[in-house]
Structures are given as C-alpha cells and as structure tokens.
C-alpha cells in the first residue's frame, strides 16, 4: 500500500535547521497506529518521504532518515537499507574494502574521519539514530545483488555492513 508521510499525519515534519535550503525537513514524529493497522490487516506499507508540519507546510525529507525514524518508532528488530554500494567501504572506490560490522562509536568515527562521506552519511547517521532509539541492528546492503536480503540475513558473514548498538557487538 503506497502512502505519503502527509497521509493521516503519518509523519509530522519540522523544517531542517537551515532556512536557506527551502522546504527540506526532518521527522518530528511518526504515527505508528496507522502503520500497525495496515500491517495487522496484511498490507505492506510503502511510505514516501514527504511530510507536513503542524501548519500543513509540506517538506521533503531524506528517505533513509524517514526509514530509520519509522523503524525506531515501531521498535523494529532490524532496519535494512538497500543501496547501490556494498555497504560501508574503507576506500569508497574499492568494493573489496567492505567493513562487515561496526558499532555506533565506530560508525560515528568513520563519519568524522571522512571514510563515510557523501550519500553514505545520511544512511549511516539514520542507522545510528535508529539503534540509539532501540532498533537492534541496521544493515546497509547492495540491492543490485540477486537475493541480497536473504544473503545478508541468512548467512553468517552477510554481504553488506551491519551496524550494531555497542551492547550487541
């Protein structure tokens, strides 16, 4: 079932810190009741990352961020992000430098050292935020690989990067 964050106030937004970037927002809250009802009735909700503030102003929100906030609000066991790279790479130009597992402090350190950069920053940041809010594991995997999800979840080594809260490493 396709939804927009504005539908039924599923997601409430607020303007992102910088005023000069237009209508870019961040998640203020998630209405889990709507999602719970859909799942209980056999639907798989697909949520676009547009949400409105309390005055009705629409904001575009990074889709990874929305996924992480929904996972946290639902107290999900796992957050899985499918992307077009293997996961976190020590050298972004070399897929063989995949880092298979990190914890929250290591993930933050990889961002501060510049190893995680560009479009991977919001992915890793949303994973860290969701873990800090109770999600047990977050995975960043290459969705172009056939059966990527099954290989990540049901093999010992996985195929991407798993980020864990420090208590689970």
N, C-alpha and C. Protein backbone atom coordinates (compact mmCIF):
# COMPACT_ATOMS: atom_id res chain seq x y z
N UNK A 1 0.84 -1.16 0.00
CA UNK A 1 0.00 0.00 0.00
C UNK A 1 0.89 1.23 0.00
N UNK A 2 0.72 2.11 -0.97
CA UNK A 2 1.53 3.32 -1.07
C UNK A 2 0.95 4.47 -0.25
N UNK A 3 1.78 5.07 0.55
CA UNK A 3 1.38 6.19 1.40
C UNK A 3 2.39 7.32 1.27
N UNK A 4 1.94 8.47 1.64
CA UNK A 4 2.80 9.64 1.76
C UNK A 4 2.84 9.97 3.25
N UNK A 5 3.92 10.51 3.72
CA UNK A 5 4.02 10.87 5.13
C UNK A 5 2.92 11.82 5.57
N UNK A 6 2.34 12.57 4.62
CA UNK A 6 1.26 13.51 4.94
C UNK A 6 -0.07 12.79 5.18
N UNK A 7 -0.22 11.57 4.63
CA UNK A 7 -1.50 10.85 4.74
C UNK A 7 -1.81 10.56 6.20
N UNK A 8 -2.93 11.06 6.68
CA UNK A 8 -3.36 10.81 8.05
C UNK A 8 -2.35 11.30 9.08
N UNK A 9 -1.53 12.27 8.71
CA UNK A 9 -0.44 12.75 9.58
C UNK A 9 0.43 11.59 10.05
N UNK A 10 0.71 10.68 9.12
CA UNK A 10 1.57 9.54 9.41
C UNK A 10 2.92 10.02 9.94
N UNK A 11 3.49 11.01 9.28
CA UNK A 11 4.75 11.61 9.72
C UNK A 11 4.54 13.11 9.87
N UNK A 12 4.96 13.65 10.98
CA UNK A 12 4.93 15.09 11.18
C UNK A 12 6.36 15.59 10.99
N UNK A 13 6.48 16.69 10.25
CA UNK A 13 7.80 17.22 9.92
C UNK A 13 8.04 18.55 10.61
N UNK A 14 9.29 18.94 10.62
CA UNK A 14 9.68 20.30 11.00
C UNK A 14 10.77 20.71 10.02
N UNK A 15 10.92 22.00 9.83
CA UNK A 15 11.93 22.49 8.90
C UNK A 15 13.31 22.12 9.42
N UNK A 16 14.14 21.68 8.48
CA UNK A 16 15.52 21.38 8.84
C UNK A 16 16.19 22.69 9.22
N UNK A 17 17.20 22.62 10.08
CA UNK A 17 17.85 23.79 10.66
C UNK A 17 18.10 24.97 9.75
N UNK A 18 18.58 24.75 8.54
CA UNK A 18 18.96 25.86 7.66
C UNK A 18 17.73 26.40 6.92
N UNK A 19 17.50 27.69 7.02
CA UNK A 19 16.34 28.31 6.38
C UNK A 19 16.54 28.48 4.87
N UNK A 20 17.79 28.56 4.43
CA UNK A 20 18.06 28.87 3.02
C UNK A 20 18.02 27.64 2.11
N UNK A 21 17.61 26.48 2.60
CA UNK A 21 17.59 25.28 1.75
C UNK A 21 16.19 24.93 1.26
N UNK A 22 15.22 25.80 1.50
CA UNK A 22 13.87 25.57 1.01
C UNK A 22 13.08 24.65 1.91
N UNK A 23 12.22 23.86 1.29
CA UNK A 23 11.30 23.03 2.05
C UNK A 23 11.86 21.63 2.29
N UNK A 24 13.01 21.60 2.94
CA UNK A 24 13.64 20.35 3.36
C UNK A 24 13.39 20.22 4.85
N UNK A 25 12.88 19.06 5.25
CA UNK A 25 12.52 18.89 6.64
C UNK A 25 13.18 17.70 7.29
N UNK A 26 12.83 17.52 8.54
CA UNK A 26 13.25 16.34 9.29
C UNK A 26 12.03 15.82 10.04
N UNK A 27 12.11 14.59 10.47
CA UNK A 27 10.98 13.94 11.13
C UNK A 27 10.82 14.49 12.53
N UNK A 28 9.59 14.89 12.84
CA UNK A 28 9.26 15.35 14.18
C UNK A 28 8.60 14.21 14.96
N UNK A 29 7.69 13.46 14.29
CA UNK A 29 7.03 12.33 14.94
C UNK A 29 6.50 11.37 13.88
N UNK A 30 6.24 10.13 14.32
CA UNK A 30 5.67 9.09 13.45
C UNK A 30 4.44 8.53 14.14
N UNK A 31 3.33 8.46 13.40
CA UNK A 31 2.09 7.90 13.93
C UNK A 31 2.10 6.40 13.65
N UNK A 32 2.52 5.61 14.62
CA UNK A 32 2.65 4.16 14.42
C UNK A 32 1.31 3.45 14.36
N UNK A 33 0.26 4.09 14.84
CA UNK A 33 -1.07 3.48 14.82
C UNK A 33 -1.50 3.15 13.39
N UNK A 34 -1.27 4.08 12.49
CA UNK A 34 -1.65 3.87 11.08
C UNK A 34 -0.88 2.67 10.51
N UNK A 35 0.42 2.65 10.73
CA UNK A 35 1.24 1.55 10.20
C UNK A 35 0.83 0.22 10.83
N UNK A 36 0.59 0.22 12.13
CA UNK A 36 0.18 -1.00 12.81
C UNK A 36 -1.11 -1.57 12.25
N UNK A 37 -2.07 -0.70 12.01
CA UNK A 37 -3.36 -1.12 11.45
C UNK A 37 -3.17 -1.74 10.07
N UNK A 38 -2.35 -1.12 9.26
CA UNK A 38 -2.11 -1.66 7.91
C UNK A 38 -1.45 -3.03 7.97
N UNK A 39 -0.41 -3.16 8.78
CA UNK A 39 0.32 -4.42 8.89
C UNK A 39 -0.60 -5.51 9.44
N UNK A 40 -1.38 -5.19 10.46
CA UNK A 40 -2.30 -6.17 11.06
C UNK A 40 -3.33 -6.68 10.05
N UNK A 41 -3.61 -5.87 9.03
CA UNK A 41 -4.59 -6.26 8.01
C UNK A 41 -3.94 -6.79 6.74
N UNK A 42 -2.66 -7.16 6.83
CA UNK A 42 -2.00 -7.83 5.73
C UNK A 42 -1.39 -6.93 4.67
N UNK A 43 -1.30 -5.65 4.93
CA UNK A 43 -0.69 -4.72 3.97
C UNK A 43 0.77 -4.47 4.31
N UNK A 44 1.56 -4.22 3.29
CA UNK A 44 2.94 -3.79 3.48
C UNK A 44 2.99 -2.32 3.08
N UNK A 45 3.10 -1.43 4.07
CA UNK A 45 3.11 -0.01 3.74
C UNK A 45 4.41 0.42 3.07
N UNK A 46 4.29 1.18 2.01
CA UNK A 46 5.42 1.82 1.35
C UNK A 46 5.18 3.32 1.52
N UNK A 47 6.11 3.98 2.22
CA UNK A 47 5.88 5.36 2.62
C UNK A 47 6.85 6.29 1.90
N UNK A 48 6.30 7.26 1.17
CA UNK A 48 7.16 8.27 0.55
C UNK A 48 7.57 9.27 1.61
N UNK A 49 8.67 9.95 1.36
CA UNK A 49 9.30 10.77 2.40
C UNK A 49 8.92 12.25 2.32
N UNK A 50 7.64 12.51 2.09
CA UNK A 50 7.12 13.87 2.15
C UNK A 50 6.19 13.94 3.35
N UNK A 51 6.37 14.93 4.19
CA UNK A 51 5.53 15.09 5.38
C UNK A 51 5.25 16.57 5.59
N UNK A 52 4.24 16.85 6.41
CA UNK A 52 3.85 18.24 6.66
C UNK A 52 4.08 18.59 8.13
N UNK A 53 4.27 19.88 8.36
CA UNK A 53 4.39 20.35 9.74
C UNK A 53 2.99 20.58 10.30
N UNK A 54 2.90 21.10 11.52
CA UNK A 54 1.60 21.27 12.17
C UNK A 54 0.74 22.36 11.53
N UNK A 55 1.33 23.14 10.61
CA UNK A 55 0.56 24.15 9.89
C UNK A 55 0.18 23.69 8.49
N UNK A 56 0.60 22.48 8.10
CA UNK A 56 0.27 21.94 6.79
C UNK A 56 1.32 22.16 5.72
N UNK A 57 2.44 22.83 6.06
CA UNK A 57 3.51 23.04 5.09
C UNK A 57 4.21 21.73 4.80
N UNK A 58 4.30 21.36 3.53
CA UNK A 58 4.95 20.10 3.14
C UNK A 58 6.46 20.26 3.08
N UNK A 59 7.15 19.20 3.50
CA UNK A 59 8.61 19.16 3.46
C UNK A 59 9.08 17.85 2.86
N UNK A 60 10.14 17.93 2.09
CA UNK A 60 10.81 16.74 1.59
C UNK A 60 11.81 16.31 2.66
N UNK A 61 11.82 15.02 2.98
CA UNK A 61 12.74 14.50 3.99
C UNK A 61 13.55 13.38 3.35
N UNK A 62 14.81 13.28 3.71
CA UNK A 62 15.66 12.20 3.20
C UNK A 62 14.98 10.86 3.48
N UNK A 63 14.87 10.02 2.45
CA UNK A 63 14.15 8.74 2.57
C UNK A 63 14.81 7.80 3.58
N UNK A 64 16.13 7.79 3.64
CA UNK A 64 16.82 6.95 4.64
C UNK A 64 16.46 7.40 6.05
N UNK A 65 16.42 8.70 6.24
CA UNK A 65 16.07 9.25 7.55
C UNK A 65 14.66 8.82 7.95
N UNK A 66 13.72 8.91 7.02
CA UNK A 66 12.34 8.50 7.29
C UNK A 66 12.30 7.01 7.65
N UNK A 67 13.02 6.20 6.90
CA UNK A 67 13.04 4.76 7.19
C UNK A 67 13.56 4.48 8.59
N UNK A 68 14.63 5.16 8.97
CA UNK A 68 15.21 4.97 10.30
C UNK A 68 14.27 5.41 11.40
N UNK A 69 13.59 6.54 11.20
CA UNK A 69 12.67 7.04 12.22
C UNK A 69 11.43 6.14 12.34
N UNK A 70 10.96 5.61 11.22
CA UNK A 70 9.84 4.66 11.27
C UNK A 70 10.27 3.39 12.00
N UNK A 71 11.45 2.88 11.68
CA UNK A 71 11.95 1.67 12.35
C UNK A 71 12.04 1.90 13.86
N UNK A 72 12.56 3.05 14.26
CA UNK A 72 12.68 3.36 15.68
C UNK A 72 11.31 3.47 16.34
N UNK A 73 10.38 4.16 15.68
CA UNK A 73 9.04 4.35 16.25
C UNK A 73 8.31 3.01 16.42
N UNK A 74 8.57 2.08 15.51
CA UNK A 74 7.93 0.77 15.57
C UNK A 74 8.68 -0.21 16.47
N UNK A 75 9.81 0.23 17.02
CA UNK A 75 10.68 -0.66 17.81
C UNK A 75 11.03 -1.91 16.99
N UNK A 76 11.44 -1.67 15.76
CA UNK A 76 11.77 -2.76 14.84
C UNK A 76 13.01 -3.51 15.31
N UNK A 77 13.06 -4.77 14.98
CA UNK A 77 14.23 -5.60 15.28
C UNK A 77 15.39 -5.16 14.40
N UNK A 78 15.11 -4.91 13.11
CA UNK A 78 16.16 -4.55 12.15
C UNK A 78 15.70 -3.41 11.24
N UNK A 79 16.66 -2.65 10.81
CA UNK A 79 16.49 -1.66 9.75
C UNK A 79 17.41 -2.10 8.63
N UNK A 80 16.86 -2.23 7.42
CA UNK A 80 17.68 -2.66 6.28
C UNK A 80 17.56 -1.62 5.18
N UNK A 81 18.69 -1.05 4.81
CA UNK A 81 18.74 -0.07 3.72
C UNK A 81 19.36 -0.72 2.51
N UNK A 82 18.62 -0.72 1.39
CA UNK A 82 19.15 -1.22 0.13
C UNK A 82 19.68 -0.03 -0.65
N UNK A 83 20.89 -0.16 -1.17
CA UNK A 83 21.51 0.95 -1.88
C UNK A 83 22.27 0.40 -3.08
N UNK A 84 23.13 1.20 -3.67
CA UNK A 84 23.88 0.77 -4.85
C UNK A 84 25.36 0.63 -4.55
N UNK A 85 25.68 0.34 -3.30
CA UNK A 85 27.05 0.05 -2.91
C UNK A 85 27.01 -1.10 -1.92
N UNK A 86 28.12 -1.79 -1.75
CA UNK A 86 28.15 -2.99 -0.91
C UNK A 86 27.84 -2.72 0.55
N UNK A 87 28.10 -1.53 1.02
CA UNK A 87 27.94 -1.16 2.43
C UNK A 87 28.95 -0.08 2.73
N UNK A 88 29.45 -0.05 3.96
CA UNK A 88 30.49 0.92 4.31
C UNK A 88 31.83 0.37 3.82
N UNK A 89 32.51 1.17 3.02
CA UNK A 89 33.80 0.78 2.46
C UNK A 89 34.92 1.61 3.08
N UNK A 90 36.01 0.95 3.42
CA UNK A 90 37.20 1.66 3.93
C UNK A 90 37.70 2.64 2.86
N UNK A 91 37.66 2.21 1.59
CA UNK A 91 38.01 3.05 0.45
C UNK A 91 36.82 2.98 -0.50
N UNK A 92 36.07 4.07 -0.63
CA UNK A 92 34.82 4.06 -1.38
C UNK A 92 34.98 3.62 -2.84
N UNK A 93 36.20 3.65 -3.36
CA UNK A 93 36.43 3.24 -4.75
C UNK A 93 36.78 1.76 -4.88
N UNK A 94 36.92 1.07 -3.76
CA UNK A 94 37.34 -0.32 -3.77
C UNK A 94 36.34 -1.20 -3.01
N UNK A 95 35.46 -1.90 -3.74
CA UNK A 95 34.44 -2.72 -3.08
C UNK A 95 35.01 -3.83 -2.19
N UNK A 96 36.27 -4.18 -2.40
CA UNK A 96 36.87 -5.24 -1.58
C UNK A 96 37.21 -4.74 -0.17
N UNK A 97 37.04 -3.44 0.09
CA UNK A 97 37.36 -2.89 1.42
C UNK A 97 36.12 -2.78 2.30
N UNK A 98 35.14 -3.62 2.03
CA UNK A 98 33.90 -3.62 2.81
C UNK A 98 34.19 -3.82 4.30
N UNK A 99 33.56 -3.02 5.11
CA UNK A 99 33.61 -3.19 6.56
C UNK A 99 32.34 -3.94 6.95
N UNK A 100 32.45 -5.21 7.33
CA UNK A 100 31.24 -6.02 7.52
C UNK A 100 30.44 -5.71 8.79
N UNK A 101 31.10 -5.20 9.84
CA UNK A 101 30.38 -4.96 11.09
C UNK A 101 31.02 -3.82 11.85
N UNK A 102 30.18 -2.90 12.34
CA UNK A 102 30.64 -1.80 13.19
C UNK A 102 29.61 -1.56 14.28
N UNK A 103 30.04 -0.90 15.35
CA UNK A 103 29.09 -0.48 16.37
C UNK A 103 28.89 1.03 16.24
N UNK A 104 28.06 1.59 17.09
CA UNK A 104 27.72 3.01 17.00
C UNK A 104 28.96 3.91 17.10
N UNK A 105 29.83 3.74 18.11
CA UNK A 105 31.01 4.63 18.17
C UNK A 105 31.90 4.50 16.93
N UNK A 106 32.07 3.28 16.44
CA UNK A 106 32.90 3.09 15.23
C UNK A 106 32.26 3.78 14.03
N UNK A 107 30.93 3.67 13.90
CA UNK A 107 30.24 4.32 12.78
C UNK A 107 30.41 5.83 12.84
N UNK A 108 30.26 6.40 14.03
CA UNK A 108 30.45 7.85 14.18
C UNK A 108 31.88 8.25 13.86
N UNK A 109 32.83 7.43 14.27
CA UNK A 109 34.24 7.69 14.00
C UNK A 109 34.52 7.64 12.50
N UNK A 110 33.92 6.70 11.79
CA UNK A 110 34.11 6.61 10.34
C UNK A 110 33.59 7.85 9.63
N UNK A 111 32.50 8.43 10.15
CA UNK A 111 31.98 9.68 9.58
C UNK A 111 32.96 10.82 9.87
N UNK A 112 33.40 10.93 11.12
CA UNK A 112 34.28 12.05 11.49
C UNK A 112 35.63 11.98 10.78
N UNK A 113 36.10 10.76 10.49
CA UNK A 113 37.37 10.60 9.78
C UNK A 113 37.23 10.79 8.27
N UNK A 114 35.99 10.92 7.77
CA UNK A 114 35.76 11.11 6.35
C UNK A 114 35.74 9.82 5.55
N UNK A 115 35.84 8.67 6.21
CA UNK A 115 35.75 7.39 5.49
C UNK A 115 34.34 7.21 4.97
N UNK A 116 33.35 7.56 5.79
CA UNK A 116 31.96 7.61 5.34
C UNK A 116 31.72 9.04 4.89
N UNK A 117 31.37 9.21 3.63
CA UNK A 117 31.16 10.55 3.09
C UNK A 117 30.00 10.57 2.11
N UNK A 118 29.70 11.73 1.59
CA UNK A 118 28.67 11.90 0.58
C UNK A 118 27.33 11.32 0.99
N UNK A 119 26.73 10.56 0.07
CA UNK A 119 25.41 9.99 0.30
C UNK A 119 25.36 8.91 1.36
N UNK A 120 26.53 8.41 1.77
CA UNK A 120 26.54 7.40 2.83
C UNK A 120 26.36 8.04 4.21
N UNK A 121 26.63 9.31 4.35
CA UNK A 121 26.49 9.96 5.66
C UNK A 121 25.05 9.86 6.17
N UNK A 122 24.02 10.25 5.37
CA UNK A 122 22.66 10.12 5.91
C UNK A 122 22.26 8.66 6.17
N UNK A 123 22.78 7.73 5.38
CA UNK A 123 22.47 6.32 5.61
C UNK A 123 23.03 5.85 6.95
N UNK A 124 24.30 6.11 7.18
CA UNK A 124 24.92 5.68 8.43
C UNK A 124 24.33 6.45 9.61
N UNK A 125 24.08 7.72 9.45
CA UNK A 125 23.51 8.53 10.52
C UNK A 125 22.13 8.01 10.91
N UNK A 126 21.29 7.68 9.92
CA UNK A 126 19.95 7.20 10.26
C UNK A 126 20.04 5.84 10.94
N UNK A 127 21.00 5.01 10.55
CA UNK A 127 21.21 3.73 11.22
C UNK A 127 21.58 3.94 12.68
N UNK A 128 22.52 4.85 12.91
CA UNK A 128 22.96 5.14 14.28
C UNK A 128 21.80 5.68 15.11
N UNK A 129 21.03 6.60 14.55
CA UNK A 129 19.88 7.16 15.28
C UNK A 129 18.86 6.07 15.62
N UNK A 130 18.59 5.20 14.67
CA UNK A 130 17.59 4.15 14.94
C UNK A 130 18.10 3.19 16.01
N UNK A 131 19.39 2.86 15.98
CA UNK A 131 19.97 1.99 17.00
C UNK A 131 19.91 2.65 18.38
N UNK A 132 20.20 3.93 18.42
CA UNK A 132 20.17 4.66 19.70
C UNK A 132 18.75 4.71 20.27
N UNK A 133 17.74 4.53 19.40
CA UNK A 133 16.35 4.55 19.84
C UNK A 133 15.77 3.15 20.03
N UNK A 134 16.62 2.12 19.98
CA UNK A 134 16.15 0.78 20.32
C UNK A 134 16.14 -0.27 19.23
N UNK A 135 16.33 0.11 17.98
CA UNK A 135 16.44 -0.90 16.92
C UNK A 135 17.71 -1.71 17.21
N UNK A 136 17.63 -3.03 17.06
CA UNK A 136 18.75 -3.88 17.49
C UNK A 136 19.89 -3.97 16.47
N UNK A 137 19.58 -3.88 15.18
CA UNK A 137 20.62 -3.96 14.15
C UNK A 137 20.18 -3.20 12.91
N UNK A 138 21.13 -2.62 12.22
CA UNK A 138 20.87 -1.93 10.96
C UNK A 138 21.84 -2.49 9.92
N UNK A 139 21.35 -2.66 8.72
CA UNK A 139 22.15 -3.24 7.65
C UNK A 139 22.12 -2.30 6.45
N UNK A 140 23.27 -2.12 5.83
CA UNK A 140 23.36 -1.38 4.57
C UNK A 140 23.88 -2.40 3.56
N UNK A 141 23.05 -2.69 2.56
CA UNK A 141 23.43 -3.73 1.59
C UNK A 141 23.15 -3.26 0.16
N UNK A 142 23.82 -3.92 -0.77
CA UNK A 142 23.69 -3.61 -2.20
C UNK A 142 22.45 -4.30 -2.75
N UNK A 143 21.43 -3.52 -3.02
CA UNK A 143 20.18 -4.06 -3.53
C UNK A 143 20.26 -4.56 -4.96
N UNK A 144 21.37 -4.32 -5.64
CA UNK A 144 21.52 -4.81 -7.03
C UNK A 144 21.92 -6.27 -7.06
N UNK A 145 22.38 -6.80 -5.95
CA UNK A 145 22.82 -8.20 -5.89
C UNK A 145 21.59 -9.09 -5.76
N UNK A 146 21.47 -10.11 -6.63
CA UNK A 146 20.32 -11.01 -6.51
C UNK A 146 20.28 -11.65 -5.12
N UNK A 147 19.11 -11.67 -4.54
CA UNK A 147 18.86 -12.28 -3.23
C UNK A 147 19.64 -11.60 -2.11
N UNK A 148 19.95 -10.32 -2.28
CA UNK A 148 20.78 -9.58 -1.31
C UNK A 148 20.22 -9.68 0.11
N UNK A 149 18.94 -9.50 0.26
CA UNK A 149 18.33 -9.53 1.58
C UNK A 149 18.51 -10.90 2.24
N UNK A 150 18.26 -11.95 1.49
CA UNK A 150 18.42 -13.31 2.03
C UNK A 150 19.87 -13.59 2.40
N UNK A 151 20.79 -13.17 1.55
CA UNK A 151 22.21 -13.40 1.81
C UNK A 151 22.69 -12.64 3.05
N UNK A 152 22.16 -11.45 3.27
CA UNK A 152 22.56 -10.67 4.45
C UNK A 152 22.00 -11.28 5.73
N UNK A 153 20.77 -11.66 5.69
CA UNK A 153 20.09 -12.11 6.90
C UNK A 153 20.40 -13.57 7.24
N UNK A 154 20.52 -14.43 6.23
CA UNK A 154 20.61 -15.87 6.50
C UNK A 154 21.98 -16.50 6.27
N UNK A 155 23.02 -15.67 6.15
CA UNK A 155 24.37 -16.23 6.08
C UNK A 155 25.19 -15.67 7.24
N UNK A 156 26.18 -16.42 7.67
CA UNK A 156 26.98 -16.00 8.81
C UNK A 156 27.72 -14.69 8.54
N UNK A 157 28.29 -14.55 7.35
CA UNK A 157 29.09 -13.37 7.04
C UNK A 157 28.30 -12.21 6.49
N UNK A 158 27.11 -12.46 5.94
CA UNK A 158 26.36 -11.40 5.29
C UNK A 158 27.08 -10.92 4.05
N UNK A 159 26.51 -9.90 3.42
CA UNK A 159 27.13 -9.35 2.20
C UNK A 159 27.33 -7.85 2.28
N UNK A 160 26.82 -7.22 3.32
CA UNK A 160 26.93 -5.77 3.45
C UNK A 160 27.56 -5.40 4.77
N UNK A 161 27.16 -4.24 5.27
CA UNK A 161 27.64 -3.78 6.57
C UNK A 161 26.50 -3.85 7.57
N UNK A 162 26.76 -4.47 8.71
CA UNK A 162 25.80 -4.50 9.81
C UNK A 162 26.31 -3.54 10.87
N UNK A 163 25.41 -2.66 11.31
CA UNK A 163 25.74 -1.71 12.37
C UNK A 163 24.94 -2.12 13.60
N UNK A 164 25.63 -2.26 14.71
CA UNK A 164 25.00 -2.71 15.94
C UNK A 164 25.18 -1.69 17.05
N UNK A 165 24.23 -1.70 17.98
CA UNK A 165 24.41 -0.94 19.20
C UNK A 165 25.57 -1.58 19.95
N UNK A 166 26.32 -0.83 20.67
CA UNK A 166 27.52 -1.33 21.35
C UNK A 166 27.24 -2.54 22.23
N UNK A 167 26.04 -2.61 22.81
CA UNK A 167 25.72 -3.71 23.70
C UNK A 167 25.53 -5.03 22.96
N UNK A 168 25.42 -5.02 21.62
CA UNK A 168 25.17 -6.23 20.87
C UNK A 168 26.38 -6.74 20.08
N UNK A 169 27.49 -6.02 20.10
CA UNK A 169 28.65 -6.40 19.29
C UNK A 169 29.30 -7.66 19.82
